[in-house]
């Protein structure tokens, strides 16, 4: 397993041949003009190969950032909790959204992929 810090809450996890990007935000600003990313994001790991999955932990704009998400390949599946209502804005950007129930360890659409 390899974990790269991208910036702010964004990390890239590589495990068992999968690349999972969490909470991407680097296309500034957010919160109107109040939030700017510092230091600059380390995009080299993300640019090396497209993520297979993008995990969005919650709906704050510094974790669910339209400007950043719109720059990512739409081949990535977005993983979101079924308990929070954030799937629609991600779907509108062109991503396939997989809603996971709390405690779910396997992705039902791909039962052979299990996360530790």
PDB file of N, CA and C in Angstrom:
ATOM      1  N   UNK A   1       0.851  -1.173   0.000  1.00  0.00           N
ATOM      2  CA  UNK A   1       0.000   0.000   0.000  1.00  0.00           C
ATOM      3  C   UNK A   1       0.894   1.233   0.000  1.00  0.00           C
ATOM      4  N   UNK A   2       0.464   2.225  -0.791  1.00  0.00           N
ATOM      5  CA  UNK A   2       1.176   3.486  -0.857  1.00  0.00           C
ATOM      6  C   UNK A   2       0.159   4.607  -0.677  1.00  0.00           C
ATOM      7  N   UNK A   3       0.503   5.590   0.147  1.00  0.00           N
ATOM      8  CA  UNK A   3      -0.381   6.731   0.379  1.00  0.00           C
ATOM      9  C   UNK A   3       0.408   8.011   0.114  1.00  0.00           C
ATOM     10  N   UNK A   4      -0.128   8.852  -0.775  1.00  0.00           N
ATOM     11  CA  UNK A   4       0.487  10.145  -1.088  1.00  0.00           C
ATOM     12  C   UNK A   4      -0.414  11.263  -0.603  1.00  0.00           C
ATOM     13  N   UNK A   5       0.170  12.240   0.062  1.00  0.00           N
ATOM     14  CA  UNK A   5      -0.561  13.446   0.431  1.00  0.00           C
ATOM     15  C   UNK A   5      -0.591  14.363  -0.787  1.00  0.00           C
ATOM     16  N   UNK A   6      -1.777  14.764  -1.184  1.00  0.00           N
ATOM     17  CA  UNK A   6      -1.924  15.652  -2.339  1.00  0.00           C
ATOM     18  C   UNK A   6      -2.012  17.102  -1.873  1.00  0.00           C
ATOM     19  N   UNK A   7      -2.775  17.333  -0.835  1.00  0.00           N
ATOM     20  CA  UNK A   7      -2.940  18.671  -0.283  1.00  0.00           C
ATOM     21  C   UNK A   7      -4.284  18.782   0.402  1.00  0.00           C
ATOM     22  N   UNK A   8      -4.348  19.593   1.455  1.00  0.00           N
ATOM     23  CA  UNK A   8      -5.535  19.760   2.283  1.00  0.00           C
ATOM     24  C   UNK A   8      -5.984  18.374   2.743  1.00  0.00           C
ATOM     25  N   UNK A   9      -7.200  17.924   2.408  1.00  0.00           N
ATOM     26  CA  UNK A   9      -7.678  16.598   2.823  1.00  0.00           C
ATOM     27  C   UNK A   9      -7.473  15.549   1.738  1.00  0.00           C
ATOM     28  N   UNK A  10      -6.947  15.943   0.596  1.00  0.00           N
ATOM     29  CA  UNK A  10      -6.793  15.015  -0.527  1.00  0.00           C
ATOM     30  C   UNK A  10      -5.589  14.098  -0.320  1.00  0.00           C
ATOM     31  N   UNK A  11      -5.867  12.800  -0.426  1.00  0.00           N
ATOM     32  CA  UNK A  11      -4.802  11.798  -0.413  1.00  0.00           C
ATOM     33  C   UNK A  11      -5.078  10.814  -1.550  1.00  0.00           C
ATOM     34  N   UNK A  12      -4.020  10.181  -2.029  1.00  0.00           N
ATOM     35  CA  UNK A  12      -4.152   9.150  -3.043  1.00  0.00           C
ATOM     36  C   UNK A  12      -3.634   7.856  -2.443  1.00  0.00           C
ATOM     37  N   UNK A  13      -4.500   6.852  -2.407  1.00  0.00           N
ATOM     38  CA  UNK A  13      -4.154   5.544  -1.854  1.00  0.00           C
ATOM     39  C   UNK A  13      -4.026   4.574  -3.017  1.00  0.00           C
ATOM     40  N   UNK A  14      -2.902   3.876  -3.067  1.00  0.00           N
ATOM     41  CA  UNK A  14      -2.718   2.822  -4.058  1.00  0.00           C
ATOM     42  C   UNK A  14      -2.594   1.505  -3.311  1.00  0.00           C
ATOM     43  N   UNK A  15      -3.511   0.573  -3.591  1.00  0.00           N
ATOM     44  CA  UNK A  15      -3.499  -0.717  -2.923  1.00  0.00           C
ATOM     45  C   UNK A  15      -4.098  -1.781  -3.836  1.00  0.00           C
ATOM     46  N   UNK A  16      -3.457  -2.902  -3.903  1.00  0.00           N
ATOM     47  CA  UNK A  16      -3.954  -4.057  -4.666  1.00  0.00           C
ATOM     48  C   UNK A  16      -4.347  -3.681  -6.087  1.00  0.00           C
ATOM     49  N   UNK A  17      -3.555  -2.830  -6.709  1.00  0.00           N
ATOM     50  CA  UNK A  17      -3.816  -2.434  -8.083  1.00  0.00           C
ATOM     51  C   UNK A  17      -4.885  -1.373  -8.266  1.00  0.00           C
ATOM     52  N   UNK A  18      -5.420  -0.827  -7.177  1.00  0.00           N
ATOM     53  CA  UNK A  18      -6.442   0.214  -7.239  1.00  0.00           C
ATOM     54  C   UNK A  18      -5.870   1.547  -6.789  1.00  0.00           C
ATOM     55  N   UNK A  19      -6.378   2.617  -7.398  1.00  0.00           N
ATOM     56  CA  UNK A  19      -5.990   3.979  -7.014  1.00  0.00           C
ATOM     57  C   UNK A  19      -7.248   4.701  -6.540  1.00  0.00           C
ATOM     58  N   UNK A  20      -7.234   5.138  -5.281  1.00  0.00           N
ATOM     59  CA  UNK A  20      -8.390   5.782  -4.663  1.00  0.00           C
ATOM     60  C   UNK A  20      -7.980   7.193  -4.240  1.00  0.00           C
ATOM     61  N   UNK A  21      -8.629   8.181  -4.806  1.00  0.00           N
ATOM     62  CA  UNK A  21      -8.378   9.578  -4.477  1.00  0.00           C
ATOM     63  C   UNK A  21      -9.465  10.042  -3.518  1.00  0.00           C
ATOM     64  N   UNK A  22      -9.064  10.644  -2.426  1.00  0.00           N
ATOM     65  CA  UNK A  22     -10.014  11.088  -1.412  1.00  0.00           C
ATOM     66  C   UNK A  22     -10.101  12.611  -1.381  1.00  0.00           C
ATOM     67  N   UNK A  23     -11.321  13.120  -1.353  1.00  0.00           N
ATOM     68  CA  UNK A  23     -11.614  14.538  -1.104  1.00  0.00           C
ATOM     69  C   UNK A  23     -10.750  15.509  -1.913  1.00  0.00           C
ATOM     70  N   UNK A  24     -10.806  15.426  -3.252  1.00  0.00           N
ATOM     71  CA  UNK A  24      -9.938  16.293  -4.049  1.00  0.00           C
ATOM     72  C   UNK A  24     -10.358  17.761  -4.035  1.00  0.00           C
ATOM     73  N   UNK A  25      -9.401  18.614  -3.752  1.00  0.00           N
ATOM     74  CA  UNK A  25      -9.568  20.069  -3.896  1.00  0.00           C
ATOM     75  C   UNK A  25      -8.210  20.686  -4.136  1.00  0.00           C
ATOM     76  N   UNK A  26      -8.019  21.230  -5.332  1.00  0.00           N
ATOM     77  CA  UNK A  26      -6.814  21.992  -5.606  1.00  0.00           C
ATOM     78  C   UNK A  26      -7.057  23.069  -6.652  1.00  0.00           C
ATOM     79  N   UNK A  27      -8.184  23.047  -7.319  1.00  0.00           N
ATOM     80  CA  UNK A  27      -8.526  24.106  -8.268  1.00  0.00           C
ATOM     81  C   UNK A  27      -9.202  25.214  -7.461  1.00  0.00           C
ATOM     82  N   UNK A  28      -8.427  26.179  -7.016  1.00  0.00           N
ATOM     83  CA  UNK A  28      -8.895  27.195  -6.077  1.00  0.00           C
ATOM     84  C   UNK A  28      -9.787  28.203  -6.749  1.00  0.00           C
ATOM     85  N   UNK A  29     -10.483  29.026  -6.018  1.00  0.00           N
ATOM     86  CA  UNK A  29     -10.685  29.018  -4.580  1.00  0.00           C
ATOM     87  C   UNK A  29     -11.923  28.206  -4.206  1.00  0.00           C
ATOM     88  N   UNK A  30     -12.227  28.191  -2.942  1.00  0.00           N
ATOM     89  CA  UNK A  30     -13.482  27.628  -2.474  1.00  0.00           C
ATOM     90  C   UNK A  30     -14.033  28.544  -1.384  1.00  0.00           C
ATOM     91  N   UNK A  31     -15.254  28.282  -0.946  1.00  0.00           N
ATOM     92  CA  UNK A  31     -15.944  29.153   0.014  1.00  0.00           C
ATOM     93  C   UNK A  31     -15.945  30.593  -0.498  1.00  0.00           C
ATOM     94  N   UNK A  32     -16.436  30.763  -1.716  1.00  0.00           N
ATOM     95  CA  UNK A  32     -16.374  32.078  -2.351  1.00  0.00           C
ATOM     96  C   UNK A  32     -14.928  32.348  -2.706  1.00  0.00           C
ATOM     97  N   UNK A  33     -14.388  33.423  -2.217  1.00  0.00           N
ATOM     98  CA  UNK A  33     -12.965  33.716  -2.416  1.00  0.00           C
ATOM     99  C   UNK A  33     -12.191  33.579  -1.116  1.00  0.00           C
ATOM    100  N   UNK A  34     -12.772  32.907  -0.129  1.00  0.00           N
ATOM    101  CA  UNK A  34     -12.144  32.830   1.188  1.00  0.00           C
ATOM    102  C   UNK A  34     -11.115  31.711   1.306  1.00  0.00           C
ATOM    103  N   UNK A  35     -11.311  30.587   0.596  1.00  0.00           N
ATOM    104  CA  UNK A  35     -10.429  29.445   0.771  1.00  0.00           C
ATOM    105  C   UNK A  35      -9.459  29.275  -0.374  1.00  0.00           C
ATOM    106  N   UNK A  36      -8.189  29.306  -0.059  1.00  0.00           N
ATOM    107  CA  UNK A  36      -7.132  29.078  -1.040  1.00  0.00           C
ATOM    108  C   UNK A  36      -6.213  27.994  -0.498  1.00  0.00           C
ATOM    109  N   UNK A  37      -5.807  27.104  -1.361  1.00  0.00           N
ATOM    110  CA  UNK A  37      -4.977  25.986  -0.946  1.00  0.00           C
ATOM    111  C   UNK A  37      -3.528  26.430  -0.773  1.00  0.00           C
ATOM    112  N   UNK A  38      -2.980  26.181   0.405  1.00  0.00           N
ATOM    113  CA  UNK A  38      -1.574  26.461   0.680  1.00  0.00           C
ATOM    114  C   UNK A  38      -1.052  25.397   1.628  1.00  0.00           C
ATOM    115  N   UNK A  39       0.056  24.774   1.342  1.00  0.00           N
ATOM    116  CA  UNK A  39       0.892  24.966   0.163  1.00  0.00           C
ATOM    117  C   UNK A  39       0.250  24.367  -1.079  1.00  0.00           C
ATOM    118  N   UNK A  40       0.866  24.626  -2.212  1.00  0.00           N
ATOM    119  CA  UNK A  40       0.368  24.147  -3.492  1.00  0.00           C
ATOM    120  C   UNK A  40       0.233  22.626  -3.471  1.00  0.00           C
ATOM    121  N   UNK A  41      -0.792  22.117  -4.138  1.00  0.00           N
ATOM    122  CA  UNK A  41      -1.051  20.674  -4.168  1.00  0.00           C
ATOM    123  C   UNK A  41       0.062  19.919  -4.887  1.00  0.00           C
ATOM    124  N   UNK A  42       0.345  18.727  -4.397  1.00  0.00           N
ATOM    125  CA  UNK A  42       1.315  17.816  -4.996  1.00  0.00           C
ATOM    126  C   UNK A  42       0.560  16.940  -5.998  1.00  0.00           C
ATOM    127  N   UNK A  43       0.450  17.377  -7.240  1.00  0.00           N
ATOM    128  CA  UNK A  43      -0.375  16.689  -8.229  1.00  0.00           C
ATOM    129  C   UNK A  43       0.344  15.579  -8.981  1.00  0.00           C
ATOM    130  N   UNK A  44       1.642  15.437  -8.793  1.00  0.00           N
ATOM    131  CA  UNK A  44       2.394  14.414  -9.536  1.00  0.00           C
ATOM    132  C   UNK A  44       1.800  13.012  -9.396  1.00  0.00           C
ATOM    133  N   UNK A  45       1.435  12.557  -8.187  1.00  0.00           N
ATOM    134  CA  UNK A  45       0.857  11.208  -8.090  1.00  0.00           C
ATOM    135  C   UNK A  45      -0.477  11.070  -8.824  1.00  0.00           C
ATOM    136  N   UNK A  46      -1.286  12.118  -8.853  1.00  0.00           N
ATOM    137  CA  UNK A  46      -2.587  12.069  -9.527  1.00  0.00           C
ATOM    138  C   UNK A  46      -2.390  12.103 -11.036  1.00  0.00           C
ATOM    139  N   UNK A  47      -1.413  12.875 -11.486  1.00  0.00           N
ATOM    140  CA  UNK A  47      -1.155  12.995 -12.920  1.00  0.00           C
ATOM    141  C   UNK A  47      -0.470  11.756 -13.488  1.00  0.00           C
ATOM    142  N   UNK A  48       0.170  10.960 -12.631  1.00  0.00           N
ATOM    143  CA  UNK A  48       0.877   9.761 -13.094  1.00  0.00           C
ATOM    144  C   UNK A  48      -0.077   8.734 -13.693  1.00  0.00           C
ATOM    145  N   UNK A  49      -1.242   8.598 -13.119  1.00  0.00           N
ATOM    146  CA  UNK A  49      -2.270   7.670 -13.615  1.00  0.00           C
ATOM    147  C   UNK A  49      -3.608   8.079 -13.021  1.00  0.00           C
ATOM    148  N   UNK A  50      -4.650   7.856 -13.776  1.00  0.00           N
ATOM    149  CA  UNK A  50      -5.996   8.251 -13.339  1.00  0.00           C
ATOM    150  C   UNK A  50      -6.447   7.401 -12.156  1.00  0.00           C
ATOM    151  N   UNK A  51      -7.154   8.017 -11.210  1.00  0.00           N
ATOM    152  CA  UNK A  51      -7.704   7.219 -10.112  1.00  0.00           C
ATOM    153  C   UNK A  51      -8.836   6.320 -10.598  1.00  0.00           C
ATOM    154  N   UNK A  52      -8.966   5.160  -9.964  1.00  0.00           N
ATOM    155  CA  UNK A  52     -10.081   4.264 -10.259  1.00  0.00           C
ATOM    156  C   UNK A  52     -11.337   4.712  -9.519  1.00  0.00           C
ATOM    157  N   UNK A  53     -11.129   5.257  -8.325  1.00  0.00           N
ATOM    158  CA  UNK A  53     -12.230   5.681  -7.462  1.00  0.00           C
ATOM    159  C   UNK A  53     -11.904   7.035  -6.867  1.00  0.00           C
ATOM    160  N   UNK A  54     -12.953   7.813  -6.624  1.00  0.00           N
ATOM    161  CA  UNK A  54     -12.829   9.074  -5.909  1.00  0.00           C
ATOM    162  C   UNK A  54     -13.784   8.987  -4.729  1.00  0.00           C
ATOM    163  N   UNK A  55     -13.241   9.096  -3.529  1.00  0.00           N
ATOM    164  CA  UNK A  55     -14.054   9.039  -2.319  1.00  0.00           C
ATOM    165  C   UNK A  55     -14.328  10.457  -1.846  1.00  0.00           C
ATOM    166  N   UNK A  56     -15.602  10.787  -1.665  1.00  0.00           N
ATOM    167  CA  UNK A  56     -16.000  12.096  -1.140  1.00  0.00           C
ATOM    168  C   UNK A  56     -16.578  11.867   0.251  1.00  0.00           C
ATOM    169  N   UNK A  57     -15.899  12.392   1.262  1.00  0.00           N
ATOM    170  CA  UNK A  57     -16.301  12.109   2.641  1.00  0.00           C
ATOM    171  C   UNK A  57     -17.553  12.874   3.079  1.00  0.00           C
ATOM    172  N   UNK A  58     -17.709  14.106   2.580  1.00  0.00           N
ATOM    173  CA  UNK A  58     -18.876  14.906   2.950  1.00  0.00           C
ATOM    174  C   UNK A  58     -19.004  16.080   1.978  1.00  0.00           C
ATOM    175  N   UNK A  59     -20.053  16.864   2.150  1.00  0.00           N
ATOM    176  CA  UNK A  59     -20.404  17.862   1.156  1.00  0.00           C
ATOM    177  C   UNK A  59     -19.807  19.241   1.283  1.00  0.00           C
ATOM    178  N   UNK A  60     -18.863  19.463   2.165  1.00  0.00           N
ATOM    179  CA  UNK A  60     -18.231  20.784   2.222  1.00  0.00           C
ATOM    180  C   UNK A  60     -17.428  21.001   0.947  1.00  0.00           C
ATOM    181  N   UNK A  61     -17.420  22.232   0.472  1.00  0.00           N
ATOM    182  CA  UNK A  61     -16.839  22.534  -0.832  1.00  0.00           C
ATOM    183  C   UNK A  61     -15.335  22.250  -0.904  1.00  0.00           C
ATOM    184  N   UNK A  62     -14.645  22.185   0.217  1.00  0.00           N
ATOM    185  CA  UNK A  62     -13.225  21.851   0.182  1.00  0.00           C
ATOM    186  C   UNK A  62     -12.997  20.334   0.150  1.00  0.00           C
ATOM    187  N   UNK A  63     -14.064  19.562   0.064  1.00  0.00           N
ATOM    188  CA  UNK A  63     -13.984  18.104  -0.099  1.00  0.00           C
ATOM    189  C   UNK A  63     -14.758  17.660  -1.337  1.00  0.00           C
ATOM    190  N   UNK A  64     -15.757  18.416  -1.701  1.00  0.00           N
ATOM    191  CA  UNK A  64     -16.594  18.176  -2.868  1.00  0.00           C
ATOM    192  C   UNK A  64     -16.518  19.443  -3.716  1.00  0.00           C
ATOM    193  N   UNK A  65     -15.406  19.579  -4.445  1.00  0.00           N
ATOM    194  CA  UNK A  65     -15.110  20.817  -5.165  1.00  0.00           C
ATOM    195  C   UNK A  65     -15.340  20.617  -6.660  1.00  0.00           C
ATOM    196  N   UNK A  66     -16.377  21.270  -7.171  1.00  0.00           N
ATOM    197  CA  UNK A  66     -16.743  21.104  -8.579  1.00  0.00           C
ATOM    198  C   UNK A  66     -15.608  21.436  -9.535  1.00  0.00           C
ATOM    199  N   UNK A  67     -14.869  22.507  -9.270  1.00  0.00           N
ATOM    200  CA  UNK A  67     -13.775  22.903 -10.149  1.00  0.00           C
ATOM    201  C   UNK A  67     -12.693  21.842 -10.251  1.00  0.00           C
ATOM    202  N   UNK A  68     -12.396  21.194  -9.137  1.00  0.00           N
ATOM    203  CA  UNK A  68     -11.396  20.127  -9.148  1.00  0.00           C
ATOM    204  C   UNK A  68     -11.971  18.861  -9.773  1.00  0.00           C
ATOM    205  N   UNK A  69     -13.168  18.467  -9.349  1.00  0.00           N
ATOM    206  CA  UNK A  69     -13.777  17.252  -9.889  1.00  0.00           C
ATOM    207  C   UNK A  69     -13.950  17.328 -11.401  1.00  0.00           C
ATOM    208  N   UNK A  70     -14.280  18.494 -11.923  1.00  0.00           N
ATOM    209  CA  UNK A  70     -14.498  18.622 -13.363  1.00  0.00           C
ATOM    210  C   UNK A  70     -13.225  18.374 -14.163  1.00  0.00           C
ATOM    211  N   UNK A  71     -12.061  18.449 -13.526  1.00  0.00           N
ATOM    212  CA  UNK A  71     -10.780  18.220 -14.201  1.00  0.00           C
ATOM    213  C   UNK A  71     -10.315  16.769 -14.140  1.00  0.00           C
ATOM    214  N   UNK A  72     -11.031  15.947 -13.389  1.00  0.00           N
ATOM    215  CA  UNK A  72     -10.638  14.547 -13.228  1.00  0.00           C
ATOM    216  C   UNK A  72     -11.342  13.673 -14.264  1.00  0.00           C
ATOM    217  N   UNK A  73     -10.711  12.555 -14.653  1.00  0.00           N
ATOM    218  CA  UNK A  73     -11.323  11.682 -15.661  1.00  0.00           C
ATOM    219  C   UNK A  73     -12.639  11.087 -15.173  1.00  0.00           C
ATOM    220  N   UNK A  74     -13.619  11.095 -16.043  1.00  0.00           N
ATOM    221  CA  UNK A  74     -14.952  10.586 -15.687  1.00  0.00           C
ATOM    222  C   UNK A  74     -14.990   9.060 -15.644  1.00  0.00           C
ATOM    223  N   UNK A  75     -13.864   8.418 -15.917  1.00  0.00           N
ATOM    224  CA  UNK A  75     -13.790   6.957 -15.791  1.00  0.00           C
ATOM    225  C   UNK A  75     -13.744   6.525 -14.332  1.00  0.00           C
ATOM    226  N   UNK A  76     -13.371   7.428 -13.439  1.00  0.00           N
ATOM    227  CA  UNK A  76     -13.342   7.107 -12.006  1.00  0.00           C
ATOM    228  C   UNK A  76     -14.761   7.018 -11.468  1.00  0.00           C
ATOM    229  N   UNK A  77     -14.985   6.052 -10.596  1.00  0.00           N
ATOM    230  CA  UNK A  77     -16.271   5.937  -9.910  1.00  0.00           C
ATOM    231  C   UNK A  77     -16.181   6.747  -8.622  1.00  0.00           C
ATOM    232  N   UNK A  78     -17.235   7.501  -8.307  1.00  0.00           N
ATOM    233  CA  UNK A  78     -17.249   8.276  -7.072  1.00  0.00           C
ATOM    234  C   UNK A  78     -17.967   7.489  -5.988  1.00  0.00           C
ATOM    235  N   UNK A  79     -17.309   7.352  -4.860  1.00  0.00           N
ATOM    236  CA  UNK A  79     -17.859   6.649  -3.705  1.00  0.00           C
ATOM    237  C   UNK A  79     -18.329   7.677  -2.690  1.00  0.00           C
ATOM    238  N   UNK A  80     -19.594   7.562  -2.297  1.00  0.00           N
ATOM    239  CA  UNK A  80     -20.166   8.478  -1.312  1.00  0.00           C
ATOM    240  C   UNK A  80     -20.993   7.675  -0.319  1.00  0.00           C
ATOM    241  N   UNK A  81     -21.188   8.235   0.852  1.00  0.00           N
ATOM    242  CA  UNK A  81     -22.032   7.592   1.848  1.00  0.00           C
ATOM    243  C   UNK A  81     -23.493   7.736   1.457  1.00  0.00           C
ATOM    244  N   UNK A  82     -24.254   6.671   1.667  1.00  0.00           N
ATOM    245  CA  UNK A  82     -25.687   6.734   1.384  1.00  0.00           C
ATOM    246  C   UNK A  82     -26.423   7.584   2.416  1.00  0.00           C
ATOM    247  N   UNK A  83     -25.743   7.970   3.497  1.00  0.00           N
ATOM    248  CA  UNK A  83     -26.402   8.720   4.569  1.00  0.00           C
ATOM    249  C   UNK A  83     -26.362  10.227   4.356  1.00  0.00           C
ATOM    250  N   UNK A  84     -25.604  10.696   3.366  1.00  0.00           N
ATOM    251  CA  UNK A  84     -25.564  12.133   3.089  1.00  0.00           C
ATOM    252  C   UNK A  84     -25.947  12.364   1.629  1.00  0.00           C
ATOM    253  N   UNK A  85     -26.618  13.448   1.377  1.00  0.00           N
ATOM    254  CA  UNK A  85     -27.195  13.701   0.059  1.00  0.00           C
ATOM    255  C   UNK A  85     -26.243  14.532  -0.792  1.00  0.00           C
ATOM    256  N   UNK A  86     -25.206  13.875  -1.342  1.00  0.00           N
ATOM    257  CA  UNK A  86     -24.255  14.598  -2.188  1.00  0.00           C
ATOM    258  C   UNK A  86     -24.081  13.944  -3.552  1.00  0.00           C
ATOM    259  N   UNK A  87     -24.823  12.903  -3.846  1.00  0.00           N
ATOM    260  CA  UNK A  87     -24.639  12.175  -5.100  1.00  0.00           C
ATOM    261  C   UNK A  87     -25.056  12.989  -6.325  1.00  0.00           C
ATOM    262  N   UNK A  88     -26.118  13.768  -6.221  1.00  0.00           N
ATOM    263  CA  UNK A  88     -26.620  14.494  -7.394  1.00  0.00           C
ATOM    264  C   UNK A  88     -25.613  15.458  -8.006  1.00  0.00           C
ATOM    265  N   UNK A  89     -24.933  16.306  -7.219  1.00  0.00           N
ATOM    266  CA  UNK A  89     -23.964  17.212  -7.862  1.00  0.00           C
ATOM    267  C   UNK A  89     -22.816  16.460  -8.525  1.00  0.00           C
ATOM    268  N   UNK A  90     -22.442  15.331  -7.989  1.00  0.00           N
ATOM    269  CA  UNK A  90     -21.351  14.549  -8.583  1.00  0.00           C
ATOM    270  C   UNK A  90     -21.833  13.895  -9.867  1.00  0.00           C
ATOM    271  N   UNK A  91     -23.036  13.372  -9.846  1.00  0.00           N
ATOM    272  CA  UNK A  91     -23.633  12.758 -11.028  1.00  0.00           C
ATOM    273  C   UNK A  91     -23.746  13.774 -12.160  1.00  0.00           C
ATOM    274  N   UNK A  92     -24.117  15.012 -11.840  1.00  0.00           N
ATOM    275  CA  UNK A  92     -24.250  16.069 -12.856  1.00  0.00           C
ATOM    276  C   UNK A  92     -22.913  16.388 -13.521  1.00  0.00           C
ATOM    277  N   UNK A  93     -21.811  16.107 -12.847  1.00  0.00           N
ATOM    278  CA  UNK A  93     -20.491  16.335 -13.434  1.00  0.00           C
ATOM    279  C   UNK A  93     -20.091  15.202 -14.384  1.00  0.00           C
ATOM    280  N   UNK A  94     -20.879  14.137 -14.426  1.00  0.00           N
ATOM    281  CA  UNK A  94     -20.611  13.060 -15.369  1.00  0.00           C
ATOM    282  C   UNK A  94     -19.981  11.820 -14.776  1.00  0.00           C
ATOM    283  N   UNK A  95     -19.888  11.751 -13.454  1.00  0.00           N
ATOM    284  CA  UNK A  95     -19.307  10.571 -12.802  1.00  0.00           C
ATOM    285  C   UNK A  95     -20.378   9.536 -12.496  1.00  0.00           C
ATOM    286  N   UNK A  96     -19.981   8.280 -12.506  1.00  0.00           N
ATOM    287  CA  UNK A  96     -20.831   7.219 -11.974  1.00  0.00           C
ATOM    288  C   UNK A  96     -20.677   7.263 -10.457  1.00  0.00           C
ATOM    289  N   UNK A  97     -21.792   7.323  -9.751  1.00  0.00           N
ATOM    290  CA  UNK A  97     -21.762   7.458  -8.292  1.00  0.00           C
ATOM    291  C   UNK A  97     -22.212   6.154  -7.655  1.00  0.00           C
ATOM    292  N   UNK A  98     -21.413   5.671  -6.714  1.00  0.00           N
ATOM    293  CA  UNK A  98     -21.752   4.467  -5.950  1.00  0.00           C
ATOM    294  C   UNK A  98     -22.002   4.890  -4.515  1.00  0.00           C
ATOM    295  N   UNK A  99     -23.238   4.691  -4.050  1.00  0.00           N
ATOM    296  CA  UNK A  99     -23.600   5.010  -2.670  1.00  0.00           C
ATOM    297  C   UNK A  99     -23.327   3.785  -1.807  1.00  0.00           C
ATOM    298  N   UNK A 100     -22.572   3.993  -0.744  1.00  0.00           N
ATOM    299  CA  UNK A 100     -22.226   2.907   0.163  1.00  0.00           C
ATOM    300  C   UNK A 100     -22.943   3.092   1.484  1.00  0.00           C
ATOM    301  N   UNK A 101     -23.494   2.024   2.002  1.00  0.00           N
ATOM    302  CA  UNK A 101     -24.132   2.057   3.310  1.00  0.00           C
ATOM    303  C   UNK A 101     -23.065   2.039   4.403  1.00  0.00           C
ATOM    304  N   UNK A 102     -23.359   2.612   5.574  1.00  0.00           N
ATOM    305  CA  UNK A 102     -22.396   2.583   6.677  1.00  0.00           C
ATOM    306  C   UNK A 102     -21.950   1.155   6.977  1.00  0.00           C
ATOM    307  N   UNK A 103     -20.648   0.984   7.103  1.00  0.00           N
ATOM    308  CA  UNK A 103     -20.090  -0.325   7.426  1.00  0.00           C
ATOM    309  C   UNK A 103     -19.941  -1.250   6.236  1.00  0.00           C
ATOM    310  N   UNK A 104     -20.383  -0.833   5.059  1.00  0.00           N
ATOM    311  CA  UNK A 104     -20.264  -1.688   3.881  1.00  0.00           C
ATOM    312  C   UNK A 104     -18.799  -1.806   3.485  1.00  0.00           C
ATOM    313  N   UNK A 105     -18.344  -3.039   3.311  1.00  0.00           N
ATOM    314  CA  UNK A 105     -16.940  -3.279   2.991  1.00  0.00           C
ATOM    315  C   UNK A 105     -16.718  -3.662   1.536  1.00  0.00           C
ATOM    316  N   UNK A 106     -17.745  -4.104   0.866  1.00  0.00           N
ATOM    317  CA  UNK A 106     -17.628  -4.486  -0.534  1.00  0.00           C
ATOM    318  C   UNK A 106     -18.521  -3.590  -1.370  1.00  0.00           C
ATOM    319  N   UNK A 107     -18.080  -3.299  -2.562  1.00  0.00           N
ATOM    320  CA  UNK A 107     -18.872  -2.491  -3.471  1.00  0.00           C
ATOM    321  C   UNK A 107     -19.804  -3.443  -4.201  1.00  0.00           C
ATOM    322  N   UNK A 108     -21.091  -3.251  -4.017  1.00  0.00           N
ATOM    323  CA  UNK A 108     -22.058  -4.213  -4.535  1.00  0.00           C
ATOM    324  C   UNK A 108     -22.007  -4.358  -6.050  1.00  0.00           C
ATOM    325  N   UNK A 109     -21.677  -3.284  -6.765  1.00  0.00           N
ATOM    326  CA  UNK A 109     -21.629  -3.379  -8.223  1.00  0.00           C
ATOM    327  C   UNK A 109     -20.404  -4.176  -8.687  1.00  0.00           C
ATOM    328  N   UNK A 110     -19.407  -4.269  -7.853  1.00  0.00           N
ATOM    329  CA  UNK A 110     -18.183  -5.007  -8.157  1.00  0.00           C
ATOM    330  C   UNK A 110     -17.835  -5.873  -6.951  1.00  0.00           C
ATOM    331  N   UNK A 111     -18.547  -6.955  -6.718  1.00  0.00           N
ATOM    332  CA  UNK A 111     -18.348  -7.712  -5.481  1.00  0.00           C
ATOM    333  C   UNK A 111     -16.972  -8.339  -5.325  1.00  0.00           C
ATOM    334  N   UNK A 112     -16.186  -8.383  -6.385  1.00  0.00           N
ATOM    335  CA  UNK A 112     -14.834  -8.941  -6.241  1.00  0.00           C
ATOM    336  C   UNK A 112     -13.853  -7.928  -5.672  1.00  0.00           C
ATOM    337  N   UNK A 113     -14.236  -6.662  -5.641  1.00  0.00           N
ATOM    338  CA  UNK A 113     -13.358  -5.630  -5.103  1.00  0.00           C
ATOM    339  C   UNK A 113     -13.731  -5.416  -3.654  1.00  0.00           C
ATOM    340  N   UNK A 114     -12.833  -5.744  -2.761  1.00  0.00           N
ATOM    341  CA  UNK A 114     -13.096  -5.564  -1.331  1.00  0.00           C
ATOM    342  C   UNK A 114     -12.017  -4.656  -0.756  1.00  0.00           C
ATOM    343  N   UNK A 115     -12.446  -3.747   0.075  1.00  0.00           N
ATOM    344  CA  UNK A 115     -11.505  -2.852   0.728  1.00  0.00           C
ATOM    345  C   UNK A 115     -11.223  -3.368   2.120  1.00  0.00           C
ATOM    346  N   UNK A 116      -9.965  -3.285   2.550  1.00  0.00           N
ATOM    347  CA  UNK A 116      -9.625  -3.793   3.886  1.00  0.00           C
ATOM    348  C   UNK A 116     -10.308  -3.025   4.986  1.00  0.00           C
TER     349      UNK A 116
END
